[in-house]
Amino acid sequence: MTEEEALDKAQNHKGDHRSYAHLLLELQPYISDEKFGWLWEGFIAAAPFEVVMELNGGDDNVVSIER
């Protein structure tokens, strides 16, 4: 698969946030690091917090901040 095909597949994907994240991870080998970073940052900005935490390994990785 070419990078252009991988980017098209990612851009045309209209699934939920979890499936989009898994698709991006699947396509990562075909996309340059810079372009993958843009797509991933866009995903992180748009996805609900719970989905992002699930992808990061769950609540066990959360460090509480004392104020």
PDB file of N, CA and C in Angstrom:
ATOM      1  N   MET A   1       0.850  -1.166   0.000  1.00  0.00           N
ATOM      2  CA  MET A   1       0.000   0.000   0.000  1.00  0.00           C
ATOM      3  C   MET A   1       0.900   1.233   0.000  1.00  0.00           C
ATOM      4  N   THR A   2       0.550   2.214  -0.789  1.00  0.00           N
ATOM      5  CA  THR A   2       1.321   3.448  -0.822  1.00  0.00           C
ATOM      6  C   THR A   2       0.861   4.376   0.298  1.00  0.00           C
ATOM      7  N   GLU A   3       1.679   5.382   0.566  1.00  0.00           N
ATOM      8  CA  GLU A   3       1.298   6.349   1.590  1.00  0.00           C
ATOM      9  C   GLU A   3       0.009   7.067   1.187  1.00  0.00           C
ATOM     10  N   GLU A   4      -0.125   7.404  -0.080  1.00  0.00           N
ATOM     11  CA  GLU A   4      -1.330   8.087  -0.554  1.00  0.00           C
ATOM     12  C   GLU A   4      -2.577   7.228  -0.338  1.00  0.00           C
ATOM     13  N   GLU A   5      -2.483   5.940  -0.619  1.00  0.00           N
ATOM     14  CA  GLU A   5      -3.618   5.034  -0.396  1.00  0.00           C
ATOM     15  C   GLU A   5      -3.959   4.947   1.089  1.00  0.00           C
ATOM     16  N   ALA A   6      -2.934   4.877   1.927  1.00  0.00           N
ATOM     17  CA  ALA A   6      -3.159   4.802   3.375  1.00  0.00           C
ATOM     18  C   ALA A   6      -3.818   6.078   3.890  1.00  0.00           C
ATOM     19  N   LEU A   7      -3.359   7.232   3.397  1.00  0.00           N
ATOM     20  CA  LEU A   7      -3.960   8.500   3.817  1.00  0.00           C
ATOM     21  C   LEU A   7      -5.404   8.604   3.354  1.00  0.00           C
ATOM     22  N   ASP A   8      -5.681   8.167   2.134  1.00  0.00           N
ATOM     23  CA  ASP A   8      -7.061   8.167   1.633  1.00  0.00           C
ATOM     24  C   ASP A   8      -7.955   7.283   2.492  1.00  0.00           C
ATOM     25  N   LYS A   9      -7.435   6.113   2.846  1.00  0.00           N
ATOM     26  CA  LYS A   9      -8.210   5.185   3.673  1.00  0.00           C
ATOM     27  C   LYS A   9      -8.513   5.813   5.034  1.00  0.00           C
ATOM     28  N   ALA A  10      -7.529   6.475   5.610  1.00  0.00           N
ATOM     29  CA  ALA A  10      -7.730   7.119   6.911  1.00  0.00           C
ATOM     30  C   ALA A  10      -8.716   8.281   6.798  1.00  0.00           C
ATOM     31  N   GLN A  11      -8.582   9.088   5.763  1.00  0.00           N
ATOM     32  CA  GLN A  11      -9.457  10.249   5.601  1.00  0.00           C
ATOM     33  C   GLN A  11     -10.893   9.846   5.307  1.00  0.00           C
ATOM     34  N   ASN A  12     -11.089   8.741   4.623  1.00  0.00           N
ATOM     35  CA  ASN A  12     -12.431   8.310   4.240  1.00  0.00           C
ATOM     36  C   ASN A  12     -13.125   7.477   5.305  1.00  0.00           C
ATOM     37  N   HIS A  13     -12.402   7.157   6.365  1.00  0.00           N
ATOM     38  CA  HIS A  13     -12.979   6.323   7.422  1.00  0.00           C
ATOM     39  C   HIS A  13     -13.933   7.153   8.268  1.00  0.00           C
ATOM     40  N   LYS A  14     -15.165   6.710   8.365  1.00  0.00           N
ATOM     41  CA  LYS A  14     -16.177   7.458   9.112  1.00  0.00           C
ATOM     42  C   LYS A  14     -16.717   6.650  10.285  1.00  0.00           C
ATOM     43  N   GLY A  15     -15.882   5.823  10.901  1.00  0.00           N
ATOM     44  CA  GLY A  15     -16.327   5.000  12.024  1.00  0.00           C
ATOM     45  C   GLY A  15     -16.247   5.754  13.334  1.00  0.00           C
ATOM     46  N   ASP A  16     -16.411   5.033  14.395  1.00  0.00           N
ATOM     47  CA  ASP A  16     -16.308   5.654  15.712  1.00  0.00           C
ATOM     48  C   ASP A  16     -14.843   5.888  16.055  1.00  0.00           C
ATOM     49  N   HIS A  17     -14.591   6.598  17.141  1.00  0.00           N
ATOM     50  CA  HIS A  17     -13.229   6.981  17.502  1.00  0.00           C
ATOM     51  C   HIS A  17     -12.334   5.772  17.751  1.00  0.00           C
ATOM     52  N   ARG A  18     -12.858   4.737  18.400  1.00  0.00           N
ATOM     53  CA  ARG A  18     -12.037   3.554  18.686  1.00  0.00           C
ATOM     54  C   ARG A  18     -11.585   2.873  17.397  1.00  0.00           C
ATOM     55  N   SER A  19     -12.499   2.682  16.473  1.00  0.00           N
ATOM     56  CA  SER A  19     -12.129   1.999  15.232  1.00  0.00           C
ATOM     57  C   SER A  19     -11.194   2.866  14.399  1.00  0.00           C
ATOM     58  N   TYR A  20     -11.369   4.194  14.442  1.00  0.00           N
ATOM     59  CA  TYR A  20     -10.479   5.085  13.707  1.00  0.00           C
ATOM     60  C   TYR A  20      -9.067   5.013  14.286  1.00  0.00           C
ATOM     61  N   ALA A  21      -8.955   4.977  15.597  1.00  0.00           N
ATOM     62  CA  ALA A  21      -7.640   4.880  16.229  1.00  0.00           C
ATOM     63  C   ALA A  21      -6.942   3.590  15.833  1.00  0.00           C
ATOM     64  N   HIS A  22      -7.673   2.491  15.848  1.00  0.00           N
ATOM     65  CA  HIS A  22      -7.071   1.213  15.467  1.00  0.00           C
ATOM     66  C   HIS A  22      -6.683   1.208  13.994  1.00  0.00           C
ATOM     67  N   LEU A  23      -7.490   1.858  13.145  1.00  0.00           N
ATOM     68  CA  LEU A  23      -7.145   1.970  11.731  1.00  0.00           C
ATOM     69  C   LEU A  23      -5.861   2.769  11.562  1.00  0.00           C
ATOM     70  N   LEU A  24      -5.736   3.887  12.272  1.00  0.00           N
ATOM     71  CA  LEU A  24      -4.511   4.683  12.175  1.00  0.00           C
ATOM     72  C   LEU A  24      -3.290   3.871  12.590  1.00  0.00           C
ATOM     73  N   LEU A  25      -3.414   3.119  13.672  1.00  0.00           N
ATOM     74  CA  LEU A  25      -2.288   2.298  14.119  1.00  0.00           C
ATOM     75  C   LEU A  25      -1.944   1.228  13.094  1.00  0.00           C
ATOM     76  N   GLU A  26      -2.955   0.688  12.437  1.00  0.00           N
ATOM     77  CA  GLU A  26      -2.752  -0.318  11.394  1.00  0.00           C
ATOM     78  C   GLU A  26      -2.053   0.289  10.174  1.00  0.00           C
ATOM     79  N   LEU A  27      -2.375   1.530   9.863  1.00  0.00           N
ATOM     80  CA  LEU A  27      -1.812   2.196   8.685  1.00  0.00           C
ATOM     81  C   LEU A  27      -0.471   2.877   8.960  1.00  0.00           C
ATOM     82  N   GLN A  28      -0.065   2.956  10.207  1.00  0.00           N
ATOM     83  CA  GLN A  28       1.152   3.675  10.578  1.00  0.00           C
ATOM     84  C   GLN A  28       2.387   3.285   9.760  1.00  0.00           C
ATOM     85  N   PRO A  29       2.622   2.010   9.468  1.00  0.00           N
ATOM     86  CA  PRO A  29       3.820   1.670   8.696  1.00  0.00           C
ATOM     87  C   PRO A  29       3.837   2.261   7.281  1.00  0.00           C
ATOM     88  N   TYR A  30       2.691   2.644   6.780  1.00  0.00           N
ATOM     89  CA  TYR A  30       2.586   3.147   5.414  1.00  0.00           C
ATOM     90  C   TYR A  30       2.600   4.669   5.336  1.00  0.00           C
ATOM     91  N   ILE A  31       2.552   5.331   6.478  1.00  0.00           N
ATOM     92  CA  ILE A  31       2.445   6.786   6.520  1.00  0.00           C
ATOM     93  C   ILE A  31       3.714   7.354   7.154  1.00  0.00           C
ATOM     94  N   SER A  32       4.206   8.455   6.583  1.00  0.00           N
ATOM     95  CA  SER A  32       5.398   9.086   7.147  1.00  0.00           C
ATOM     96  C   SER A  32       5.128   9.491   8.599  1.00  0.00           C
ATOM     97  N   ASP A  33       6.182   9.561   9.374  1.00  0.00           N
ATOM     98  CA  ASP A  33       6.040   9.912  10.790  1.00  0.00           C
ATOM     99  C   ASP A  33       5.367  11.271  10.964  1.00  0.00           C
ATOM    100  N   GLU A  34       5.738  12.230  10.125  1.00  0.00           N
ATOM    101  CA  GLU A  34       5.167  13.573  10.235  1.00  0.00           C
ATOM    102  C   GLU A  34       3.660  13.563   9.966  1.00  0.00           C
ATOM    103  N   LYS A  35       3.245  12.916   8.897  1.00  0.00           N
ATOM    104  CA  LYS A  35       1.820  12.871   8.558  1.00  0.00           C
ATOM    105  C   LYS A  35       1.041  12.045   9.576  1.00  0.00           C
ATOM    106  N   PHE A  36       1.631  10.952  10.045  1.00  0.00           N
ATOM    107  CA  PHE A  36       0.965  10.161  11.079  1.00  0.00           C
ATOM    108  C   PHE A  36       0.772  11.005  12.338  1.00  0.00           C
ATOM    109  N   GLY A  37       1.788  11.775  12.690  1.00  0.00           N
ATOM    110  CA  GLY A  37       1.688  12.650  13.862  1.00  0.00           C
ATOM    111  C   GLY A  37       0.542  13.637  13.743  1.00  0.00           C
ATOM    112  N   TRP A  38       0.367  14.214  12.563  1.00  0.00           N
ATOM    113  CA  TRP A  38      -0.747  15.152  12.348  1.00  0.00           C
ATOM    114  C   TRP A  38      -2.082  14.444  12.522  1.00  0.00           C
ATOM    115  N   LEU A  39      -2.213  13.258  11.916  1.00  0.00           N
ATOM    116  CA  LEU A  39      -3.470  12.513  12.023  1.00  0.00           C
ATOM    117  C   LEU A  39      -3.743  12.109  13.468  1.00  0.00           C
ATOM    118  N   TRP A  40      -2.704  11.639  14.158  1.00  0.00           N
ATOM    119  CA  TRP A  40      -2.872  11.181  15.537  1.00  0.00           C
ATOM    120  C   TRP A  40      -3.232  12.345  16.460  1.00  0.00           C
ATOM    121  N   GLU A  41      -2.567  13.489  16.281  1.00  0.00           N
ATOM    122  CA  GLU A  41      -2.887  14.654  17.102  1.00  0.00           C
ATOM    123  C   GLU A  41      -4.321  15.116  16.862  1.00  0.00           C
ATOM    124  N   GLY A  42      -4.763  15.057  15.610  1.00  0.00           N
ATOM    125  CA  GLY A  42      -6.146  15.405  15.296  1.00  0.00           C
ATOM    126  C   GLY A  42      -7.122  14.458  15.960  1.00  0.00           C
ATOM    127  N   PHE A  43      -6.777  13.177  15.952  1.00  0.00           N
ATOM    128  CA  PHE A  43      -7.618  12.179  16.616  1.00  0.00           C
ATOM    129  C   PHE A  43      -7.693  12.455  18.116  1.00  0.00           C
ATOM    130  N   ILE A  44      -6.554  12.683  18.745  1.00  0.00           N
ATOM    131  CA  ILE A  44      -6.505  12.926  20.187  1.00  0.00           C
ATOM    132  C   ILE A  44      -7.333  14.163  20.546  1.00  0.00           C
ATOM    133  N   ALA A  45      -7.262  15.191  19.714  1.00  0.00           N
ATOM    134  CA  ALA A  45      -8.013  16.420  19.977  1.00  0.00           C
ATOM    135  C   ALA A  45      -9.520  16.208  19.862  1.00  0.00           C
ATOM    136  N   ALA A  46      -9.945  15.302  18.993  1.00  0.00           N
ATOM    137  CA  ALA A  46     -11.374  15.113  18.737  1.00  0.00           C
ATOM    138  C   ALA A  46     -12.009  13.990  19.556  1.00  0.00           C
ATOM    139  N   ALA A  47     -11.216  13.039  19.982  1.00  0.00           N
ATOM    140  CA  ALA A  47     -11.763  11.852  20.647  1.00  0.00           C
ATOM    141  C   ALA A  47     -12.180  12.162  22.086  1.00  0.00           C
ATOM    142  N   PRO A  48     -13.203  11.483  22.561  1.00  0.00           N
ATOM    143  CA  PRO A  48     -13.578  11.623  23.971  1.00  0.00           C
ATOM    144  C   PRO A  48     -12.439  11.148  24.880  1.00  0.00           C
ATOM    145  N   PHE A  49     -12.349  11.753  26.040  1.00  0.00           N
ATOM    146  CA  PHE A  49     -11.291  11.435  26.999  1.00  0.00           C
ATOM    147  C   PHE A  49     -11.225   9.940  27.305  1.00  0.00           C
ATOM    148  N   GLU A  50     -12.375   9.305  27.459  1.00  0.00           N
ATOM    149  CA  GLU A  50     -12.423   7.886  27.817  1.00  0.00           C
ATOM    150  C   GLU A  50     -11.756   7.018  26.748  1.00  0.00           C
ATOM    151  N   VAL A  51     -11.945   7.373  25.489  1.00  0.00           N
ATOM    152  CA  VAL A  51     -11.339   6.600  24.397  1.00  0.00           C
ATOM    153  C   VAL A  51      -9.829   6.766  24.421  1.00  0.00           C
ATOM    154  N   VAL A  52      -9.363   7.981  24.629  1.00  0.00           N
ATOM    155  CA  VAL A  52      -7.924   8.234  24.680  1.00  0.00           C
ATOM    156  C   VAL A  52      -7.301   7.480  25.841  1.00  0.00           C
ATOM    157  N   MET A  53      -7.957   7.491  26.997  1.00  0.00           N
ATOM    158  CA  MET A  53      -7.423   6.775  28.153  1.00  0.00           C
ATOM    159  C   MET A  53      -7.385   5.275  27.901  1.00  0.00           C
ATOM    160  N   GLU A  54      -8.403   4.756  27.244  1.00  0.00           N
ATOM    161  CA  GLU A  54      -8.441   3.329  26.923  1.00  0.00           C
ATOM    162  C   GLU A  54      -7.257   2.956  26.036  1.00  0.00           C
ATOM    163  N   LEU A  55      -6.940   3.789  25.075  1.00  0.00           N
ATOM    164  CA  LEU A  55      -5.818   3.519  24.176  1.00  0.00           C
ATOM    165  C   LEU A  55      -4.484   3.644  24.887  1.00  0.00           C
ATOM    166  N   ASN A  56      -4.438   4.468  25.930  1.00  0.00           N
ATOM    167  CA  ASN A  56      -3.206   4.657  26.690  1.00  0.00           C
ATOM    168  C   ASN A  56      -3.039   3.619  27.787  1.00  0.00           C
ATOM    169  N   GLY A  57      -3.921   2.648  27.854  1.00  0.00           N
ATOM    170  CA  GLY A  57      -3.767   1.580  28.827  1.00  0.00           C
ATOM    171  C   GLY A  57      -4.706   1.658  30.004  1.00  0.00           C
ATOM    172  N   GLY A  58      -5.604   2.589  30.013  1.00  0.00           N
ATOM    173  CA  GLY A  58      -6.587   2.641  31.088  1.00  0.00           C
ATOM    174  C   GLY A  58      -6.204   3.575  32.207  1.00  0.00           C
ATOM    175  N   ASP A  59      -7.009   3.554  33.240  1.00  0.00           N
ATOM    176  CA  ASP A  59      -6.841   4.471  34.363  1.00  0.00           C
ATOM    177  C   ASP A  59      -5.592   4.193  35.189  1.00  0.00           C
ATOM    178  N   ASP A  60      -5.000   3.015  35.062  1.00  0.00           N
ATOM    179  CA  ASP A  60      -3.816   2.690  35.848  1.00  0.00           C
ATOM    180  C   ASP A  60      -2.642   3.593  35.496  1.00  0.00           C
ATOM    181  N   ASN A  61      -2.665   4.170  34.299  1.00  0.00           N
ATOM    182  CA  ASN A  61      -1.564   5.021  33.865  1.00  0.00           C
ATOM    183  C   ASN A  61      -1.790   6.491  34.196  1.00  0.00           C
ATOM    184  N   VAL A  62      -2.890   6.795  34.840  1.00  0.00           N
ATOM    185  CA  VAL A  62      -3.202   8.180  35.163  1.00  0.00           C
ATOM    186  C   VAL A  62      -2.484   8.571  36.442  1.00  0.00           C
ATOM    187  N   VAL A  63      -1.792   9.682  36.397  1.00  0.00           N
ATOM    188  CA  VAL A  63      -1.118  10.209  37.578  1.00  0.00           C
ATOM    189  C   VAL A  63      -1.978  11.332  38.114  1.00  0.00           C
ATOM    190  N   SER A  64      -2.372  11.217  39.366  1.00  0.00           N
ATOM    191  CA  SER A  64      -3.212  12.267  39.940  1.00  0.00           C
ATOM    192  C   SER A  64      -2.363  13.500  40.220  1.00  0.00           C
ATOM    193  N   ILE A  65      -2.971  14.635  40.021  1.00  0.00           N
ATOM    194  CA  ILE A  65      -2.291  15.903  40.264  1.00  0.00           C
ATOM    195  C   ILE A  65      -2.936  16.533  41.489  1.00  0.00           C
ATOM    196  N   GLU A  66      -2.128  16.765  42.496  1.00  0.00           N
ATOM    197  CA  GLU A  66      -2.644  17.386  43.709  1.00  0.00           C
ATOM    198  C   GLU A  66      -2.553  18.887  43.559  1.00  0.00           C
ATOM    199  N   ARG A  67      -3.641  19.548  43.952  1.00  0.00           N
ATOM    200  CA  ARG A  67      -3.673  21.019  43.847  1.00  0.00           C
ATOM    201  C   ARG A  67      -3.701  21.631  45.216  1.00  0.00           C
TER     202      ARG A  67
END
